[in-house]
Amino acid sequence: MKNHILAVFAGFLTGVLLIPTLRNLDLELPYETAALVFALPVMFLLGSVIAVLVGRKFPWFWQLAKFGEVGFLNTAIDFGILNFLIFITGFSAGLYFSVFKAASFIVANINSYVWNRFWVFETRRAVSAKEYVQFLVVSLVAITINVGVASLVVNFISARFGLSPALWANLGAAAGVASGLLWNFIGYKLIVFKK
């Protein structure tokens, strides 16, 4: 039951944090708030229930599903903060973009540590300096991959297909997130939170 409640909570937070991104991009969903704040928790709950059932046959699947839900939440935090900073400053490229992207990544990464430690990998041992240093090293590699790829896309490849600078910045951010995803799961599972 606790796992399903956490999945619903993660879905709710994801929905709330996606609203600034949609607003900055001038994208509207029909019944936007309801769609994000109510539908996403239901979708996360459904995903959680299915993952538990599949996890009975393949135990790793449940952990991967929780990692995915936390990843969606982290992405919403990352994009929400990035778009909020773009919206209030008007800067969507250059050095400001890289600084905004680094800041949004750091906040999402702190959130990631808490959720991954206590929910995804269910680490019961006491927090230690060694674990934190390992997390920090994996995270530094991840931020290098994430911000590097995002900055490369945004600052060295001009916007394509008639996309707005803000939308191109989000596509660059998505490329950064996708690039760091596999590294994060492997690093967290095999280095930081190994049993």
Protein backbone atom coordinates (compact mmCIF):
# COMPACT_ATOMS: atom_id res chain seq x y z
CA MET A 1 0.00 0.00 0.00
CA LYS A 2 2.85 2.41 0.89
CA ASN A 3 4.36 1.92 -2.58
CA HIS A 4 1.09 2.80 -4.30
CA ILE A 5 0.65 5.92 -2.15
CA LEU A 6 4.17 7.04 -3.01
CA ALA A 7 3.48 6.39 -6.70
CA VAL A 8 0.34 8.57 -6.54
CA PHE A 9 2.26 11.30 -4.71
CA ALA A 10 5.06 11.19 -7.31
CA GLY A 11 2.43 11.42 -10.08
CA PHE A 12 0.77 14.40 -8.41
CA LEU A 13 4.08 16.25 -8.00
CA THR A 14 5.00 15.46 -11.60
CA GLY A 15 1.72 16.93 -12.81
CA VAL A 16 2.05 20.09 -10.75
CA LEU A 17 5.65 20.64 -11.87
CA LEU A 18 4.86 20.19 -15.57
CA ILE A 19 2.50 23.18 -15.55
CA PRO A 20 5.33 25.82 -15.70
CA THR A 21 6.86 23.98 -18.65
CA LEU A 22 3.60 23.99 -20.61
CA ARG A 23 2.97 27.63 -19.78
CA ASN A 24 6.46 28.71 -20.87
CA LEU A 25 6.03 26.84 -24.15
CA ASP A 26 2.55 28.33 -24.72
CA LEU A 27 1.17 24.81 -24.95
CA GLU A 28 -2.32 24.20 -23.72
CA LEU A 29 -3.93 20.91 -22.89
CA PRO A 30 -7.68 20.65 -22.65
CA TYR A 31 -8.40 20.89 -18.94
CA GLU A 32 -4.64 21.22 -18.36
CA THR A 33 -4.65 21.29 -14.56
CA ALA A 34 -7.07 18.38 -14.26
CA ALA A 35 -5.20 16.39 -16.88
CA LEU A 36 -1.87 16.83 -15.12
CA VAL A 37 -2.79 16.97 -11.45
CA PHE A 38 -5.42 14.23 -11.47
CA ALA A 39 -4.66 12.01 -14.45
CA LEU A 40 -0.92 11.59 -13.81
CA PRO A 41 -1.40 10.23 -10.27
CA VAL A 42 -3.88 7.71 -11.66
CA MET A 43 -1.43 6.74 -14.41
CA PHE A 44 1.41 6.37 -11.89
CA LEU A 45 -0.83 4.22 -9.67
CA LEU A 46 -1.81 2.04 -12.62
CA GLY A 47 1.85 1.69 -13.59
CA SER A 48 2.68 0.77 -10.00
CA VAL A 49 0.00 -1.93 -9.85
CA ILE A 50 1.10 -3.43 -13.18
CA ALA A 51 4.76 -3.31 -12.10
CA VAL A 52 3.97 -5.18 -8.88
CA LEU A 53 2.20 -7.90 -10.87
CA VAL A 54 4.99 -8.21 -13.44
CA GLY A 55 7.54 -7.94 -10.62
CA ARG A 56 6.29 -11.22 -9.15
CA LYS A 57 7.74 -12.98 -12.18
CA PHE A 58 10.66 -10.61 -12.79
CA PRO A 59 11.69 -9.01 -9.45
CA TRP A 60 13.94 -6.39 -11.09
CA PHE A 61 10.94 -5.00 -13.01
CA TRP A 62 9.32 -3.47 -9.93
CA GLN A 63 12.54 -1.63 -9.10
CA LEU A 64 12.90 -0.43 -12.69
CA ALA A 65 9.29 0.81 -12.70
CA LYS A 66 9.84 2.80 -9.49
CA PHE A 67 13.06 4.20 -11.00
CA GLY A 68 11.03 5.25 -14.06
CA GLU A 69 8.38 7.00 -11.99
CA VAL A 70 11.03 8.81 -9.97
CA GLY A 71 12.71 9.67 -13.26
CA PHE A 72 9.49 11.29 -14.53
CA LEU A 73 9.26 13.27 -11.30
CA ASN A 74 12.91 14.35 -11.54
CA THR A 75 12.39 15.34 -15.17
CA ALA A 76 9.35 17.42 -14.20
CA ILE A 77 11.41 19.16 -11.51
CA ASP A 78 14.28 19.69 -13.95
CA PHE A 79 12.03 21.06 -16.70
CA GLY A 80 9.79 23.01 -14.31
CA ILE A 81 12.70 24.92 -12.80
CA LEU A 82 14.42 25.38 -16.18
CA ASN A 83 11.25 26.77 -17.76
CA PHE A 84 10.49 28.96 -14.78
CA LEU A 85 13.97 30.52 -15.06
CA ILE A 86 13.63 30.93 -18.84
CA PHE A 87 10.19 32.49 -18.39
CA ILE A 88 11.23 35.03 -15.74
CA THR A 89 14.48 36.06 -17.47
CA GLY A 90 13.68 35.61 -21.15
CA PHE A 91 17.03 33.85 -21.72
CA SER A 92 16.74 30.48 -23.49
CA ALA A 93 20.28 30.06 -24.89
CA GLY A 94 23.92 30.86 -24.21
CA LEU A 95 25.65 30.88 -20.84
CA TYR A 96 22.42 31.66 -19.00
CA PHE A 97 20.81 28.51 -20.39
CA SER A 98 23.75 26.39 -19.20
CA VAL A 99 23.58 27.94 -15.71
CA PHE A 100 19.79 27.46 -15.57
CA LYS A 101 20.15 23.86 -16.74
CA ALA A 102 22.81 23.15 -14.11
CA ALA A 103 20.63 24.65 -11.36
CA SER A 104 17.54 22.72 -12.42
CA PHE A 105 19.57 19.51 -12.63
CA ILE A 106 21.01 19.97 -9.12
CA VAL A 107 17.57 20.38 -7.53
CA ALA A 108 16.21 17.39 -9.45
CA ASN A 109 19.27 15.39 -8.46
CA ILE A 110 18.79 16.05 -4.73
CA ASN A 111 15.20 14.89 -5.13
CA SER A 112 16.49 11.84 -6.99
CA TYR A 113 18.79 10.87 -4.13
CA VAL A 114 16.01 10.93 -1.56
CA TRP A 115 13.48 8.97 -3.67
CA ASN A 116 16.03 6.46 -5.00
CA ARG A 117 17.60 5.80 -1.61
CA PHE A 118 14.41 5.29 0.34
CA TRP A 119 11.91 4.06 -2.26
CA VAL A 120 13.51 2.64 -5.39
CA PHE A 121 16.50 0.83 -3.90
CA GLU A 122 15.07 0.72 -0.34
CA THR A 123 18.40 1.18 1.35
CA ARG A 124 18.03 0.46 5.06
CA ARG A 125 21.58 1.12 6.20
CA ALA A 126 22.44 4.44 7.79
CA VAL A 127 23.43 7.29 5.52
CA SER A 128 27.22 7.37 5.34
CA ALA A 129 29.85 9.70 3.98
CA LYS A 130 31.01 6.93 1.64
CA GLU A 131 27.53 6.51 0.17
CA TYR A 132 27.16 10.24 -0.27
CA VAL A 133 30.55 10.52 -2.01
CA GLN A 134 29.58 7.65 -4.34
CA PHE A 135 26.27 9.36 -5.06
CA LEU A 136 28.08 12.63 -5.68
CA VAL A 137 30.53 11.02 -8.12
CA VAL A 138 27.74 9.27 -10.06
CA SER A 139 25.82 12.56 -10.04
CA LEU A 140 28.80 14.58 -11.26
CA VAL A 141 29.18 12.23 -14.21
CA ALA A 142 25.42 12.49 -14.77
CA ILE A 143 25.40 16.30 -14.65
CA THR A 144 28.30 16.36 -17.11
CA ILE A 145 26.40 14.10 -19.49
CA ASN A 146 23.04 15.84 -18.96
CA VAL A 147 24.15 19.48 -19.15
CA GLY A 148 26.77 18.72 -21.80
CA VAL A 149 24.35 17.07 -24.20
CA ALA A 150 21.63 19.67 -23.52
CA SER A 151 24.06 22.56 -24.05
CA LEU A 152 25.47 20.95 -27.20
CA VAL A 153 22.00 20.63 -28.71
CA VAL A 154 20.87 24.13 -27.72
CA ASN A 155 24.04 26.13 -28.26
CA PHE A 156 25.68 24.37 -31.21
CA ILE A 157 22.72 23.16 -33.25
CA SER A 158 20.36 25.94 -34.24
CA ALA A 159 16.64 25.42 -33.74
CA ARG A 160 15.17 23.23 -36.49
CA PHE A 161 11.79 22.74 -38.10
CA GLY A 162 10.61 26.25 -37.20
CA LEU A 163 10.60 25.47 -33.47
CA SER A 164 10.67 28.35 -30.99
CA PRO A 165 13.84 28.90 -28.95
CA ALA A 166 11.99 27.86 -25.77
CA LEU A 167 10.77 24.62 -27.36
CA TRP A 168 14.26 23.94 -28.77
CA ALA A 169 15.70 24.50 -25.27
CA ASN A 170 13.28 21.87 -23.94
CA LEU A 171 14.22 19.42 -26.68
CA GLY A 172 17.87 19.98 -25.74
CA ALA A 173 17.01 19.37 -22.09
CA ALA A 174 15.17 16.17 -23.05
CA ALA A 175 18.23 14.97 -24.95
CA GLY A 176 20.29 15.62 -21.81
CA VAL A 177 17.87 13.69 -19.60
CA ALA A 178 17.76 10.73 -21.98
CA SER A 179 21.55 10.64 -22.21
CA GLY A 180 21.98 10.43 -18.44
CA LEU A 181 19.17 7.95 -17.74
CA LEU A 182 21.00 4.69 -18.33
CA TRP A 183 24.12 5.92 -16.54
CA ASN A 184 22.05 6.90 -13.49
CA PHE A 185 20.26 3.55 -13.13
CA ILE A 186 23.46 1.54 -13.48
CA GLY A 187 25.45 3.86 -11.22
CA TYR A 188 22.82 4.00 -8.49
CA LYS A 189 22.09 0.27 -8.57
CA LEU A 190 25.64 -1.06 -8.84
CA ILE A 191 27.67 1.62 -7.06
CA VAL A 192 25.66 3.73 -4.64
CA PHE A 193 22.79 1.59 -3.39
CA LYS A 194 24.13 -1.91 -4.04
CA LYS A 195 22.87 -4.49 -1.56
